[in-house]
N, C-alpha and C. Protein backbone atom coordinates (compact mmCIF):
# COMPACT_ATOMS: atom_id res chain seq x y z
N UNK A 1 29.79 1.88 -10.05
CA UNK A 1 29.13 2.09 -8.75
C UNK A 1 28.77 0.75 -8.13
N UNK A 2 29.03 0.58 -6.85
CA UNK A 2 28.77 -0.69 -6.19
C UNK A 2 27.29 -0.87 -5.94
N UNK A 3 26.82 -2.15 -5.74
CA UNK A 3 25.42 -2.40 -5.44
C UNK A 3 24.98 -1.68 -4.18
N UNK A 4 25.86 -1.62 -3.15
CA UNK A 4 25.49 -0.95 -1.91
C UNK A 4 25.24 0.52 -2.15
N UNK A 5 26.09 1.15 -2.96
CA UNK A 5 25.92 2.57 -3.24
C UNK A 5 24.63 2.81 -4.00
N UNK A 6 24.34 1.92 -4.96
CA UNK A 6 23.10 2.06 -5.71
C UNK A 6 21.89 1.92 -4.82
N UNK A 7 21.93 0.92 -3.92
CA UNK A 7 20.82 0.72 -3.00
C UNK A 7 20.62 1.93 -2.12
N UNK A 8 21.73 2.53 -1.66
CA UNK A 8 21.63 3.69 -0.79
C UNK A 8 21.06 4.88 -1.54
N UNK A 9 21.49 5.02 -2.83
CA UNK A 9 21.03 6.14 -3.63
C UNK A 9 19.53 6.05 -3.90
N UNK A 10 19.06 4.84 -4.19
CA UNK A 10 17.66 4.67 -4.50
C UNK A 10 16.78 4.65 -3.27
N UNK A 11 17.37 4.38 -2.13
CA UNK A 11 16.58 4.30 -0.92
C UNK A 11 16.15 2.87 -0.67
N UNK A 12 15.79 2.56 0.57
CA UNK A 12 15.40 1.21 0.94
C UNK A 12 13.95 0.94 0.57
N UNK A 13 13.68 -0.03 -0.31
CA UNK A 13 12.29 -0.34 -0.66
C UNK A 13 11.52 -0.91 0.52
N UNK A 14 12.20 -1.70 1.37
CA UNK A 14 11.53 -2.27 2.53
C UNK A 14 11.11 -1.17 3.49
N UNK A 15 12.02 -0.22 3.74
CA UNK A 15 11.68 0.91 4.61
C UNK A 15 10.54 1.71 4.02
N UNK A 16 10.57 1.93 2.72
CA UNK A 16 9.52 2.70 2.06
C UNK A 16 8.17 2.04 2.22
N UNK A 17 8.12 0.72 2.02
CA UNK A 17 6.86 -0.01 2.12
C UNK A 17 6.35 -0.02 3.56
N UNK A 18 7.25 -0.27 4.52
CA UNK A 18 6.84 -0.33 5.93
C UNK A 18 6.31 1.02 6.39
N UNK A 19 7.04 2.09 6.09
CA UNK A 19 6.63 3.42 6.54
C UNK A 19 5.32 3.83 5.87
N UNK A 20 5.21 3.61 4.56
CA UNK A 20 4.00 4.01 3.85
C UNK A 20 2.79 3.19 4.31
N UNK A 21 3.00 1.88 4.55
CA UNK A 21 1.89 1.06 5.05
C UNK A 21 1.47 1.47 6.44
N UNK A 22 2.45 1.78 7.30
CA UNK A 22 2.13 2.24 8.65
C UNK A 22 1.32 3.53 8.60
N UNK A 23 1.76 4.44 7.74
CA UNK A 23 1.01 5.69 7.55
C UNK A 23 -0.41 5.41 7.09
N UNK A 24 -0.55 4.51 6.11
CA UNK A 24 -1.86 4.19 5.57
C UNK A 24 -2.77 3.58 6.62
N UNK A 25 -2.26 2.59 7.37
CA UNK A 25 -3.08 1.90 8.36
C UNK A 25 -3.51 2.84 9.49
N UNK A 26 -2.55 3.66 9.97
CA UNK A 26 -2.87 4.56 11.07
C UNK A 26 -3.89 5.61 10.63
N UNK A 27 -3.65 6.22 9.48
CA UNK A 27 -4.55 7.28 9.01
C UNK A 27 -5.92 6.72 8.62
N UNK A 28 -5.93 5.57 7.94
CA UNK A 28 -7.21 4.97 7.57
C UNK A 28 -7.98 4.51 8.81
N UNK A 29 -7.25 4.00 9.80
CA UNK A 29 -7.90 3.63 11.05
C UNK A 29 -8.51 4.83 11.75
N UNK A 30 -7.76 5.95 11.77
CA UNK A 30 -8.28 7.17 12.38
C UNK A 30 -9.50 7.68 11.60
N UNK A 31 -9.44 7.61 10.27
CA UNK A 31 -10.56 8.05 9.46
C UNK A 31 -11.79 7.17 9.69
N UNK A 32 -11.57 5.86 9.80
CA UNK A 32 -12.68 4.95 10.06
C UNK A 32 -13.30 5.21 11.44
N UNK A 33 -12.44 5.43 12.44
CA UNK A 33 -12.95 5.73 13.78
C UNK A 33 -13.76 7.03 13.79
N UNK A 34 -13.26 8.04 13.06
CA UNK A 34 -13.98 9.31 12.98
C UNK A 34 -15.32 9.14 12.27
N UNK A 35 -15.33 8.33 11.22
CA UNK A 35 -16.57 8.09 10.49
C UNK A 35 -17.59 7.36 11.36
N UNK A 36 -17.13 6.35 12.10
CA UNK A 36 -18.05 5.61 12.99
C UNK A 36 -18.61 6.54 14.07
N UNK A 37 -17.73 7.39 14.63
CA UNK A 37 -18.19 8.33 15.66
C UNK A 37 -19.21 9.32 15.07
N UNK A 38 -18.93 9.80 13.85
CA UNK A 38 -19.86 10.72 13.20
C UNK A 38 -21.19 10.03 12.90
N UNK A 39 -21.14 8.77 12.47
CA UNK A 39 -22.37 8.04 12.17
C UNK A 39 -23.23 7.88 13.43
N UNK A 40 -22.57 7.55 14.55
CA UNK A 40 -23.32 7.44 15.81
C UNK A 40 -23.92 8.79 16.21
N UNK A 41 -23.14 9.84 16.02
CA UNK A 41 -23.63 11.19 16.36
C UNK A 41 -24.85 11.56 15.51
N UNK A 42 -24.76 11.30 14.21
CA UNK A 42 -25.86 11.63 13.31
C UNK A 42 -27.10 10.80 13.64
N UNK A 43 -26.90 9.53 13.96
CA UNK A 43 -28.04 8.69 14.32
C UNK A 43 -28.67 9.16 15.62
N UNK A 44 -27.83 9.53 16.58
CA UNK A 44 -28.34 9.98 17.87
C UNK A 44 -29.15 11.27 17.74
N UNK A 45 -28.78 12.12 16.79
CA UNK A 45 -29.48 13.39 16.60
C UNK A 45 -30.48 13.34 15.44
N UNK A 46 -30.74 12.12 14.95
CA UNK A 46 -31.73 11.92 13.88
C UNK A 46 -31.47 12.88 12.72
N UNK A 47 -30.23 12.89 12.25
CA UNK A 47 -29.83 13.84 11.21
C UNK A 47 -30.46 13.52 9.86
N UNK A 48 -30.83 12.27 9.63
CA UNK A 48 -31.49 11.94 8.39
C UNK A 48 -30.58 11.30 7.36
N UNK A 49 -31.20 10.88 6.27
CA UNK A 49 -30.53 10.12 5.23
C UNK A 49 -29.43 10.91 4.55
N UNK A 50 -29.73 12.16 4.12
CA UNK A 50 -28.77 12.92 3.33
C UNK A 50 -27.54 13.32 4.13
N UNK A 51 -27.70 13.56 5.42
CA UNK A 51 -26.55 13.87 6.26
C UNK A 51 -25.63 12.66 6.36
N UNK A 52 -26.22 11.48 6.49
CA UNK A 52 -25.43 10.26 6.55
C UNK A 52 -24.71 10.01 5.22
N UNK A 53 -25.40 10.26 4.12
CA UNK A 53 -24.78 10.08 2.81
C UNK A 53 -23.63 11.06 2.62
N UNK A 54 -23.80 12.30 3.08
CA UNK A 54 -22.73 13.29 2.97
C UNK A 54 -21.50 12.85 3.76
N UNK A 55 -21.73 12.32 4.96
CA UNK A 55 -20.61 11.83 5.77
C UNK A 55 -19.91 10.66 5.08
N UNK A 56 -20.68 9.80 4.42
CA UNK A 56 -20.11 8.67 3.70
C UNK A 56 -19.26 9.14 2.53
N UNK A 57 -19.75 10.14 1.79
CA UNK A 57 -18.99 10.68 0.67
C UNK A 57 -17.67 11.26 1.14
N UNK A 58 -17.71 12.03 2.22
CA UNK A 58 -16.49 12.63 2.76
C UNK A 58 -15.50 11.54 3.18
N UNK A 59 -16.01 10.50 3.82
CA UNK A 59 -15.15 9.40 4.25
C UNK A 59 -14.47 8.73 3.05
N UNK A 60 -15.24 8.48 1.99
CA UNK A 60 -14.66 7.84 0.79
C UNK A 60 -13.60 8.73 0.15
N UNK A 61 -13.85 10.03 0.10
CA UNK A 61 -12.87 10.96 -0.47
C UNK A 61 -11.58 10.95 0.35
N UNK A 62 -11.72 10.93 1.67
CA UNK A 62 -10.55 10.91 2.55
C UNK A 62 -9.74 9.64 2.34
N UNK A 63 -10.42 8.50 2.23
CA UNK A 63 -9.72 7.23 2.04
C UNK A 63 -8.96 7.23 0.72
N UNK A 64 -9.58 7.73 -0.34
CA UNK A 64 -8.91 7.80 -1.64
C UNK A 64 -7.69 8.73 -1.57
N UNK A 65 -7.85 9.86 -0.88
CA UNK A 65 -6.74 10.80 -0.74
C UNK A 65 -5.58 10.16 0.04
N UNK A 66 -5.91 9.40 1.07
CA UNK A 66 -4.88 8.72 1.85
C UNK A 66 -4.16 7.66 1.01
N UNK A 67 -4.91 6.98 0.14
CA UNK A 67 -4.28 5.98 -0.73
C UNK A 67 -3.27 6.63 -1.67
N UNK A 68 -3.65 7.76 -2.24
CA UNK A 68 -2.72 8.48 -3.12
C UNK A 68 -1.51 9.00 -2.35
N UNK A 69 -1.75 9.49 -1.13
CA UNK A 69 -0.65 10.00 -0.31
C UNK A 69 0.32 8.88 0.05
N UNK A 70 -0.21 7.69 0.29
CA UNK A 70 0.63 6.55 0.62
C UNK A 70 1.58 6.21 -0.52
N UNK A 71 1.06 6.24 -1.74
CA UNK A 71 1.90 5.98 -2.92
C UNK A 71 2.99 7.03 -3.04
N UNK A 72 2.63 8.29 -2.84
CA UNK A 72 3.61 9.38 -2.95
C UNK A 72 4.70 9.24 -1.89
N UNK A 73 4.32 8.89 -0.66
CA UNK A 73 5.30 8.74 0.41
C UNK A 73 6.28 7.62 0.08
N UNK A 74 5.76 6.48 -0.39
CA UNK A 74 6.64 5.36 -0.75
C UNK A 74 7.60 5.75 -1.86
N UNK A 75 7.09 6.49 -2.83
CA UNK A 75 7.93 6.91 -3.96
C UNK A 75 9.05 7.83 -3.49
N UNK A 76 8.73 8.77 -2.61
CA UNK A 76 9.75 9.71 -2.13
C UNK A 76 10.80 9.00 -1.28
N UNK A 77 10.36 8.07 -0.42
CA UNK A 77 11.32 7.36 0.42
C UNK A 77 12.26 6.50 -0.42
N UNK A 78 11.75 5.95 -1.51
CA UNK A 78 12.60 5.13 -2.37
C UNK A 78 13.44 5.97 -3.32
N UNK A 79 13.13 7.28 -3.37
CA UNK A 79 13.86 8.20 -4.26
C UNK A 79 13.89 7.66 -5.68
N UNK A 80 12.74 7.14 -6.09
CA UNK A 80 12.66 6.53 -7.41
C UNK A 80 11.59 7.22 -8.24
N UNK A 81 11.74 7.10 -9.53
CA UNK A 81 10.77 7.64 -10.47
C UNK A 81 9.93 6.50 -11.02
N UNK A 82 8.61 6.67 -10.99
CA UNK A 82 7.74 5.63 -11.49
C UNK A 82 7.91 5.47 -13.00
N UNK A 83 7.84 4.23 -13.44
CA UNK A 83 7.90 3.96 -14.86
C UNK A 83 6.61 4.41 -15.53
N UNK A 84 6.63 4.44 -16.85
CA UNK A 84 5.41 4.82 -17.59
C UNK A 84 4.27 3.87 -17.29
N UNK A 85 4.58 2.57 -17.22
CA UNK A 85 3.55 1.58 -16.91
C UNK A 85 3.00 1.78 -15.51
N UNK A 86 3.87 2.11 -14.55
CA UNK A 86 3.43 2.31 -13.18
C UNK A 86 2.54 3.55 -13.05
N UNK A 87 2.91 4.61 -13.77
CA UNK A 87 2.08 5.82 -13.74
C UNK A 87 0.71 5.55 -14.37
N UNK A 88 0.73 4.80 -15.47
CA UNK A 88 -0.54 4.44 -16.13
C UNK A 88 -1.39 3.58 -15.20
N UNK A 89 -0.73 2.66 -14.50
CA UNK A 89 -1.43 1.80 -13.54
C UNK A 89 -2.04 2.63 -12.42
N UNK A 90 -1.28 3.59 -11.90
CA UNK A 90 -1.78 4.43 -10.81
C UNK A 90 -3.02 5.21 -11.23
N UNK A 91 -3.00 5.75 -12.44
CA UNK A 91 -4.17 6.49 -12.93
C UNK A 91 -5.38 5.57 -13.09
N UNK A 92 -5.16 4.43 -13.69
CA UNK A 92 -6.26 3.49 -13.90
C UNK A 92 -6.83 2.99 -12.58
N UNK A 93 -5.94 2.62 -11.65
CA UNK A 93 -6.39 2.06 -10.38
C UNK A 93 -7.14 3.11 -9.56
N UNK A 94 -6.65 4.35 -9.57
CA UNK A 94 -7.33 5.42 -8.85
C UNK A 94 -8.72 5.66 -9.44
N UNK A 95 -8.82 5.62 -10.75
CA UNK A 95 -10.13 5.78 -11.40
C UNK A 95 -11.08 4.66 -11.00
N UNK A 96 -10.57 3.42 -10.99
CA UNK A 96 -11.41 2.28 -10.62
C UNK A 96 -11.89 2.40 -9.17
N UNK A 97 -11.00 2.81 -8.26
CA UNK A 97 -11.39 2.94 -6.87
C UNK A 97 -12.37 4.10 -6.66
N UNK A 98 -12.22 5.15 -7.44
CA UNK A 98 -13.16 6.27 -7.36
C UNK A 98 -14.55 5.83 -7.81
N UNK A 99 -14.59 5.07 -8.90
CA UNK A 99 -15.86 4.55 -9.40
C UNK A 99 -16.47 3.56 -8.40
N UNK A 100 -15.62 2.79 -7.74
CA UNK A 100 -16.10 1.86 -6.72
C UNK A 100 -16.77 2.61 -5.57
N UNK A 101 -16.10 3.65 -5.09
CA UNK A 101 -16.67 4.44 -3.99
C UNK A 101 -18.00 5.07 -4.40
N UNK A 102 -18.04 5.61 -5.62
CA UNK A 102 -19.28 6.23 -6.11
C UNK A 102 -20.39 5.19 -6.24
N UNK A 103 -20.07 4.03 -6.84
CA UNK A 103 -21.08 2.99 -7.03
C UNK A 103 -21.59 2.47 -5.69
N UNK A 104 -20.69 2.33 -4.73
CA UNK A 104 -21.09 1.84 -3.41
C UNK A 104 -22.02 2.82 -2.72
N UNK A 105 -21.70 4.10 -2.80
CA UNK A 105 -22.55 5.12 -2.17
C UNK A 105 -23.93 5.14 -2.81
N UNK A 106 -23.96 5.12 -4.14
CA UNK A 106 -25.25 5.15 -4.85
C UNK A 106 -26.07 3.89 -4.54
N UNK A 107 -25.41 2.73 -4.55
CA UNK A 107 -26.12 1.47 -4.31
C UNK A 107 -26.71 1.42 -2.90
N UNK A 108 -25.91 1.81 -1.91
CA UNK A 108 -26.40 1.80 -0.53
C UNK A 108 -27.51 2.82 -0.35
N UNK A 109 -27.31 4.02 -0.92
CA UNK A 109 -28.34 5.05 -0.81
C UNK A 109 -29.65 4.63 -1.44
N UNK A 110 -29.57 4.05 -2.63
CA UNK A 110 -30.79 3.61 -3.32
C UNK A 110 -31.46 2.47 -2.56
N UNK A 111 -30.65 1.57 -2.02
CA UNK A 111 -31.22 0.44 -1.28
C UNK A 111 -31.96 0.92 -0.04
N UNK A 112 -31.40 1.90 0.64
CA UNK A 112 -32.03 2.41 1.85
C UNK A 112 -33.29 3.19 1.52
N UNK A 113 -33.23 4.00 0.47
CA UNK A 113 -34.34 4.91 0.15
C UNK A 113 -35.51 4.21 -0.53
N UNK A 114 -35.23 3.37 -1.52
CA UNK A 114 -36.33 2.81 -2.32
C UNK A 114 -36.52 1.32 -2.13
N UNK A 115 -35.58 0.65 -1.47
CA UNK A 115 -35.65 -0.79 -1.23
C UNK A 115 -36.08 -1.54 -2.51
N UNK A 116 -35.21 -1.53 -3.51
CA UNK A 116 -35.58 -2.09 -4.82
C UNK A 116 -35.74 -3.60 -4.79
N UNK A 117 -36.47 -4.10 -5.76
CA UNK A 117 -36.65 -5.53 -5.94
C UNK A 117 -36.44 -5.87 -7.41
N UNK A 118 -36.38 -7.14 -7.72
CA UNK A 118 -36.26 -7.58 -9.10
C UNK A 118 -34.94 -7.22 -9.74
N UNK A 119 -35.00 -6.84 -11.02
CA UNK A 119 -33.79 -6.56 -11.80
C UNK A 119 -33.01 -5.40 -11.21
N UNK A 120 -33.69 -4.35 -10.77
CA UNK A 120 -33.01 -3.19 -10.21
C UNK A 120 -32.19 -3.57 -8.99
N UNK A 121 -32.71 -4.46 -8.16
CA UNK A 121 -31.97 -4.90 -6.97
C UNK A 121 -30.68 -5.61 -7.38
N UNK A 122 -30.75 -6.43 -8.42
CA UNK A 122 -29.55 -7.12 -8.91
C UNK A 122 -28.53 -6.13 -9.46
N UNK A 123 -29.03 -5.14 -10.21
CA UNK A 123 -28.13 -4.13 -10.79
C UNK A 123 -27.40 -3.36 -9.69
N UNK A 124 -28.13 -2.94 -8.68
CA UNK A 124 -27.52 -2.18 -7.58
C UNK A 124 -26.54 -3.04 -6.79
N UNK A 125 -26.86 -4.31 -6.63
CA UNK A 125 -25.97 -5.20 -5.87
C UNK A 125 -24.66 -5.47 -6.62
N UNK A 126 -24.76 -5.57 -7.94
CA UNK A 126 -23.57 -5.90 -8.75
C UNK A 126 -22.73 -4.67 -9.04
N UNK A 127 -23.35 -3.48 -9.06
CA UNK A 127 -22.65 -2.25 -9.47
C UNK A 127 -21.34 -2.01 -8.73
N UNK A 128 -21.29 -2.12 -7.38
CA UNK A 128 -20.00 -1.87 -6.70
C UNK A 128 -18.93 -2.90 -7.04
N UNK A 129 -19.34 -4.09 -7.48
CA UNK A 129 -18.36 -5.13 -7.77
C UNK A 129 -17.64 -4.88 -9.10
N UNK A 130 -18.30 -4.22 -10.03
CA UNK A 130 -17.71 -4.04 -11.37
C UNK A 130 -16.40 -3.25 -11.34
N UNK A 131 -16.30 -2.12 -10.59
CA UNK A 131 -15.01 -1.43 -10.53
C UNK A 131 -13.91 -2.28 -9.89
N UNK A 132 -14.26 -3.16 -8.96
CA UNK A 132 -13.25 -4.04 -8.35
C UNK A 132 -12.77 -5.08 -9.35
N UNK A 133 -13.69 -5.58 -10.16
CA UNK A 133 -13.28 -6.49 -11.24
C UNK A 133 -12.35 -5.76 -12.21
N UNK A 134 -12.69 -4.50 -12.50
CA UNK A 134 -11.83 -3.69 -13.37
C UNK A 134 -10.45 -3.51 -12.74
N UNK A 135 -10.39 -3.34 -11.41
CA UNK A 135 -9.11 -3.17 -10.72
C UNK A 135 -8.25 -4.42 -10.88
N UNK A 136 -8.87 -5.59 -10.83
CA UNK A 136 -8.12 -6.83 -11.03
C UNK A 136 -7.53 -6.88 -12.43
N UNK A 137 -8.34 -6.48 -13.42
CA UNK A 137 -7.86 -6.43 -14.80
C UNK A 137 -6.72 -5.43 -14.94
N UNK A 138 -6.84 -4.30 -14.25
CA UNK A 138 -5.81 -3.26 -14.31
C UNK A 138 -4.48 -3.77 -13.76
N UNK A 139 -4.54 -4.56 -12.70
CA UNK A 139 -3.32 -5.15 -12.14
C UNK A 139 -2.66 -6.06 -13.17
N UNK A 140 -3.48 -6.87 -13.86
CA UNK A 140 -2.95 -7.73 -14.90
C UNK A 140 -2.33 -6.96 -16.05
N UNK A 141 -2.97 -5.85 -16.44
CA UNK A 141 -2.43 -5.01 -17.51
C UNK A 141 -1.08 -4.41 -17.12
N UNK A 142 -0.98 -4.02 -15.85
CA UNK A 142 0.30 -3.45 -15.39
C UNK A 142 1.42 -4.47 -15.48
N UNK A 143 1.15 -5.69 -15.06
CA UNK A 143 2.18 -6.74 -15.12
C UNK A 143 2.58 -7.02 -16.56
N UNK A 144 1.65 -6.89 -17.49
CA UNK A 144 1.97 -7.12 -18.89
C UNK A 144 2.75 -5.94 -19.49
N UNK A 145 2.45 -4.72 -19.05
CA UNK A 145 3.05 -3.53 -19.65
C UNK A 145 4.36 -3.11 -19.01
N UNK A 146 4.63 -3.57 -17.77
CA UNK A 146 5.85 -3.16 -17.08
C UNK A 146 7.08 -3.75 -17.78
N UNK A 147 7.99 -2.87 -18.19
CA UNK A 147 9.19 -3.31 -18.90
C UNK A 147 10.37 -3.59 -17.97
N UNK A 148 10.30 -3.12 -16.73
CA UNK A 148 11.35 -3.37 -15.75
C UNK A 148 11.18 -4.80 -15.23
N UNK A 149 12.08 -5.69 -15.62
CA UNK A 149 11.94 -7.10 -15.28
C UNK A 149 12.02 -7.34 -13.77
N UNK A 150 12.88 -6.58 -13.10
CA UNK A 150 12.99 -6.74 -11.65
C UNK A 150 11.69 -6.36 -10.96
N UNK A 151 11.14 -5.21 -11.33
CA UNK A 151 9.90 -4.75 -10.70
C UNK A 151 8.76 -5.71 -11.02
N UNK A 152 8.72 -6.20 -12.23
CA UNK A 152 7.67 -7.14 -12.60
C UNK A 152 7.79 -8.44 -11.80
N UNK A 153 9.02 -8.91 -11.61
CA UNK A 153 9.23 -10.13 -10.82
C UNK A 153 8.79 -9.93 -9.38
N UNK A 154 9.10 -8.76 -8.82
CA UNK A 154 8.68 -8.46 -7.45
C UNK A 154 7.17 -8.45 -7.34
N UNK A 155 6.50 -7.80 -8.29
CA UNK A 155 5.05 -7.69 -8.25
C UNK A 155 4.38 -9.05 -8.41
N UNK A 156 4.91 -9.88 -9.31
CA UNK A 156 4.34 -11.21 -9.52
C UNK A 156 4.51 -12.06 -8.27
N UNK A 157 5.71 -12.05 -7.69
CA UNK A 157 5.94 -12.83 -6.48
C UNK A 157 5.08 -12.32 -5.32
N UNK A 158 4.93 -11.01 -5.21
CA UNK A 158 4.08 -10.43 -4.16
C UNK A 158 2.64 -10.90 -4.32
N UNK A 159 2.15 -10.89 -5.57
CA UNK A 159 0.79 -11.34 -5.83
C UNK A 159 0.61 -12.81 -5.45
N UNK A 160 1.63 -13.63 -5.73
CA UNK A 160 1.55 -15.06 -5.39
C UNK A 160 1.54 -15.26 -3.88
N UNK A 161 2.40 -14.52 -3.16
CA UNK A 161 2.40 -14.60 -1.70
C UNK A 161 1.05 -14.17 -1.13
N UNK A 162 0.52 -13.07 -1.64
CA UNK A 162 -0.77 -12.56 -1.15
C UNK A 162 -1.89 -13.56 -1.44
N UNK A 163 -1.85 -14.16 -2.62
CA UNK A 163 -2.87 -15.15 -2.98
C UNK A 163 -2.77 -16.38 -2.09
N UNK A 164 -1.55 -16.84 -1.84
CA UNK A 164 -1.38 -17.98 -0.94
C UNK A 164 -1.88 -17.68 0.46
N UNK A 165 -1.55 -16.49 0.96
CA UNK A 165 -2.03 -16.11 2.29
C UNK A 165 -3.55 -16.03 2.34
N UNK A 166 -4.14 -15.47 1.29
CA UNK A 166 -5.60 -15.36 1.23
C UNK A 166 -6.25 -16.73 1.22
N UNK A 167 -5.71 -17.66 0.42
CA UNK A 167 -6.27 -19.01 0.35
C UNK A 167 -6.14 -19.73 1.69
N UNK A 168 -5.00 -19.54 2.35
CA UNK A 168 -4.80 -20.19 3.65
C UNK A 168 -5.80 -19.67 4.68
N UNK A 169 -5.95 -18.34 4.74
CA UNK A 169 -6.89 -17.75 5.70
C UNK A 169 -8.32 -18.17 5.39
N UNK A 170 -8.69 -18.13 4.10
CA UNK A 170 -10.05 -18.50 3.71
C UNK A 170 -10.34 -19.97 4.04
N UNK A 171 -9.35 -20.84 3.84
CA UNK A 171 -9.55 -22.26 4.13
C UNK A 171 -9.76 -22.50 5.62
N UNK A 172 -8.88 -21.92 6.44
CA UNK A 172 -9.00 -22.10 7.89
C UNK A 172 -10.31 -21.50 8.40
N UNK A 173 -10.63 -20.29 7.92
CA UNK A 173 -11.87 -19.62 8.37
C UNK A 173 -13.10 -20.42 7.93
N UNK A 174 -13.03 -21.00 6.73
CA UNK A 174 -14.17 -21.79 6.24
C UNK A 174 -14.45 -22.99 7.13
N UNK A 175 -13.40 -23.68 7.57
CA UNK A 175 -13.61 -24.81 8.48
C UNK A 175 -14.13 -24.34 9.84
N UNK A 176 -13.66 -23.18 10.30
CA UNK A 176 -14.18 -22.65 11.55
C UNK A 176 -15.67 -22.33 11.42
N UNK A 177 -16.07 -21.81 10.27
CA UNK A 177 -17.49 -21.54 10.03
C UNK A 177 -18.28 -22.84 10.00
N UNK A 178 -17.73 -23.85 9.35
CA UNK A 178 -18.42 -25.14 9.25
C UNK A 178 -18.73 -25.71 10.62
N UNK A 179 -17.79 -25.56 11.56
CA UNK A 179 -17.99 -26.06 12.91
C UNK A 179 -18.60 -25.00 13.84
N UNK A 180 -19.10 -23.92 13.21
CA UNK A 180 -19.80 -22.85 13.95
C UNK A 180 -18.93 -22.25 15.05
N UNK A 181 -17.66 -22.09 14.73
CA UNK A 181 -16.72 -21.49 15.68
C UNK A 181 -16.32 -20.08 15.25
N UNK A 182 -16.82 -19.64 14.11
CA UNK A 182 -16.50 -18.30 13.62
C UNK A 182 -17.71 -17.76 12.86
N UNK A 183 -17.89 -16.44 12.86
CA UNK A 183 -19.03 -15.86 12.13
C UNK A 183 -18.83 -15.93 10.63
N UNK A 184 -19.92 -15.86 9.91
CA UNK A 184 -19.85 -15.88 8.45
C UNK A 184 -19.27 -14.56 7.93
N UNK A 185 -18.37 -14.67 6.96
CA UNK A 185 -17.76 -13.50 6.33
C UNK A 185 -18.20 -13.47 4.87
N UNK A 186 -18.74 -12.36 4.38
CA UNK A 186 -19.17 -12.29 2.98
C UNK A 186 -18.00 -12.48 2.03
N UNK A 187 -18.27 -13.09 0.89
CA UNK A 187 -17.19 -13.41 -0.05
C UNK A 187 -16.57 -12.17 -0.69
N UNK A 188 -17.28 -11.03 -0.67
CA UNK A 188 -16.67 -9.83 -1.24
C UNK A 188 -15.46 -9.38 -0.44
N UNK A 189 -15.29 -9.91 0.77
CA UNK A 189 -14.15 -9.53 1.59
C UNK A 189 -12.84 -10.14 1.09
N UNK A 190 -12.93 -11.06 0.12
CA UNK A 190 -11.72 -11.73 -0.38
C UNK A 190 -10.77 -10.73 -1.04
N UNK A 191 -11.29 -9.85 -1.88
CA UNK A 191 -10.41 -8.90 -2.57
C UNK A 191 -9.75 -7.92 -1.60
N UNK A 192 -10.49 -7.29 -0.66
CA UNK A 192 -9.81 -6.43 0.33
C UNK A 192 -8.75 -7.18 1.13
N UNK A 193 -9.04 -8.45 1.47
CA UNK A 193 -8.05 -9.25 2.22
C UNK A 193 -6.79 -9.44 1.38
N UNK A 194 -6.96 -9.76 0.12
CA UNK A 194 -5.81 -9.92 -0.77
C UNK A 194 -5.01 -8.64 -0.87
N UNK A 195 -5.71 -7.50 -0.98
CA UNK A 195 -5.04 -6.21 -1.08
C UNK A 195 -4.24 -5.90 0.18
N UNK A 196 -4.80 -6.24 1.35
CA UNK A 196 -4.10 -6.01 2.62
C UNK A 196 -2.85 -6.89 2.70
N UNK A 197 -2.96 -8.13 2.26
CA UNK A 197 -1.82 -9.05 2.31
C UNK A 197 -0.74 -8.69 1.29
N UNK A 198 -1.11 -7.94 0.28
CA UNK A 198 -0.15 -7.59 -0.76
C UNK A 198 0.99 -6.73 -0.22
N UNK A 199 0.71 -5.88 0.77
CA UNK A 199 1.75 -5.04 1.36
C UNK A 199 2.85 -5.85 2.02
N UNK A 200 2.51 -6.70 3.02
CA UNK A 200 3.55 -7.56 3.61
C UNK A 200 4.21 -8.47 2.58
N UNK A 201 3.46 -8.91 1.59
CA UNK A 201 4.03 -9.78 0.55
C UNK A 201 5.11 -9.04 -0.23
N UNK A 202 4.92 -7.76 -0.49
CA UNK A 202 5.94 -6.99 -1.19
C UNK A 202 7.20 -6.85 -0.34
N UNK A 203 7.02 -6.72 0.96
CA UNK A 203 8.18 -6.64 1.86
C UNK A 203 8.99 -7.93 1.76
N UNK A 204 8.30 -9.07 1.80
CA UNK A 204 8.98 -10.37 1.71
C UNK A 204 9.69 -10.52 0.38
N UNK A 205 8.98 -10.16 -0.71
CA UNK A 205 9.56 -10.31 -2.04
C UNK A 205 10.80 -9.43 -2.23
N UNK A 206 10.71 -8.18 -1.81
CA UNK A 206 11.85 -7.27 -1.97
C UNK A 206 13.00 -7.66 -1.05
N UNK A 207 12.67 -8.22 0.11
CA UNK A 207 13.75 -8.67 1.02
C UNK A 207 14.51 -9.82 0.37
N UNK A 208 13.82 -10.69 -0.36
CA UNK A 208 14.47 -11.81 -1.02
C UNK A 208 15.41 -11.32 -2.12
N UNK A 209 15.09 -10.18 -2.75
CA UNK A 209 15.90 -9.67 -3.84
C UNK A 209 16.89 -8.58 -3.40
N UNK A 210 17.02 -8.37 -2.07
CA UNK A 210 17.82 -7.25 -1.58
C UNK A 210 19.31 -7.45 -1.95
């Protein structure tokens, strides 16, 4: 079988990534807009703390569901079967993100309700970060466990591209902050930025190996 036939049979990875990312961005953007609108509505009608927390929980569940749907869409477009390592990675990463959403909701809720100080304040502040640290470890475990050398090479190169892009953006933004030309951005935004850049980085990496 020729390489072109194989590529056609498996489906285009670039098309799969572009379509799945477009789906993710559009749907997540719509979900975020709906959540913001609901938050304004609840505030305007003085709905109270628990109503706001319920809306936050629903929003987090929707985002997680959209993340899973994005993976499924990419897999179907590529007409490929996930490896054992990839399936294990998907389960672990989904668990970590679920714990992150739960920890974030609890931490924000507790901060608003009881305004903790001392050790408890530190515990609540650090709690949402722990699942994200676990997610980083999970990515490393996947790269170690993946037996498909091509897929592993693509993932490693994608991570390097994303890291380079993140460092470049952080460096430029940092100098803009120094000269008071840009607002301060919290450092926890580094990981979400890296995750966002990982999508385009995969497109570049797979295009190089096409």
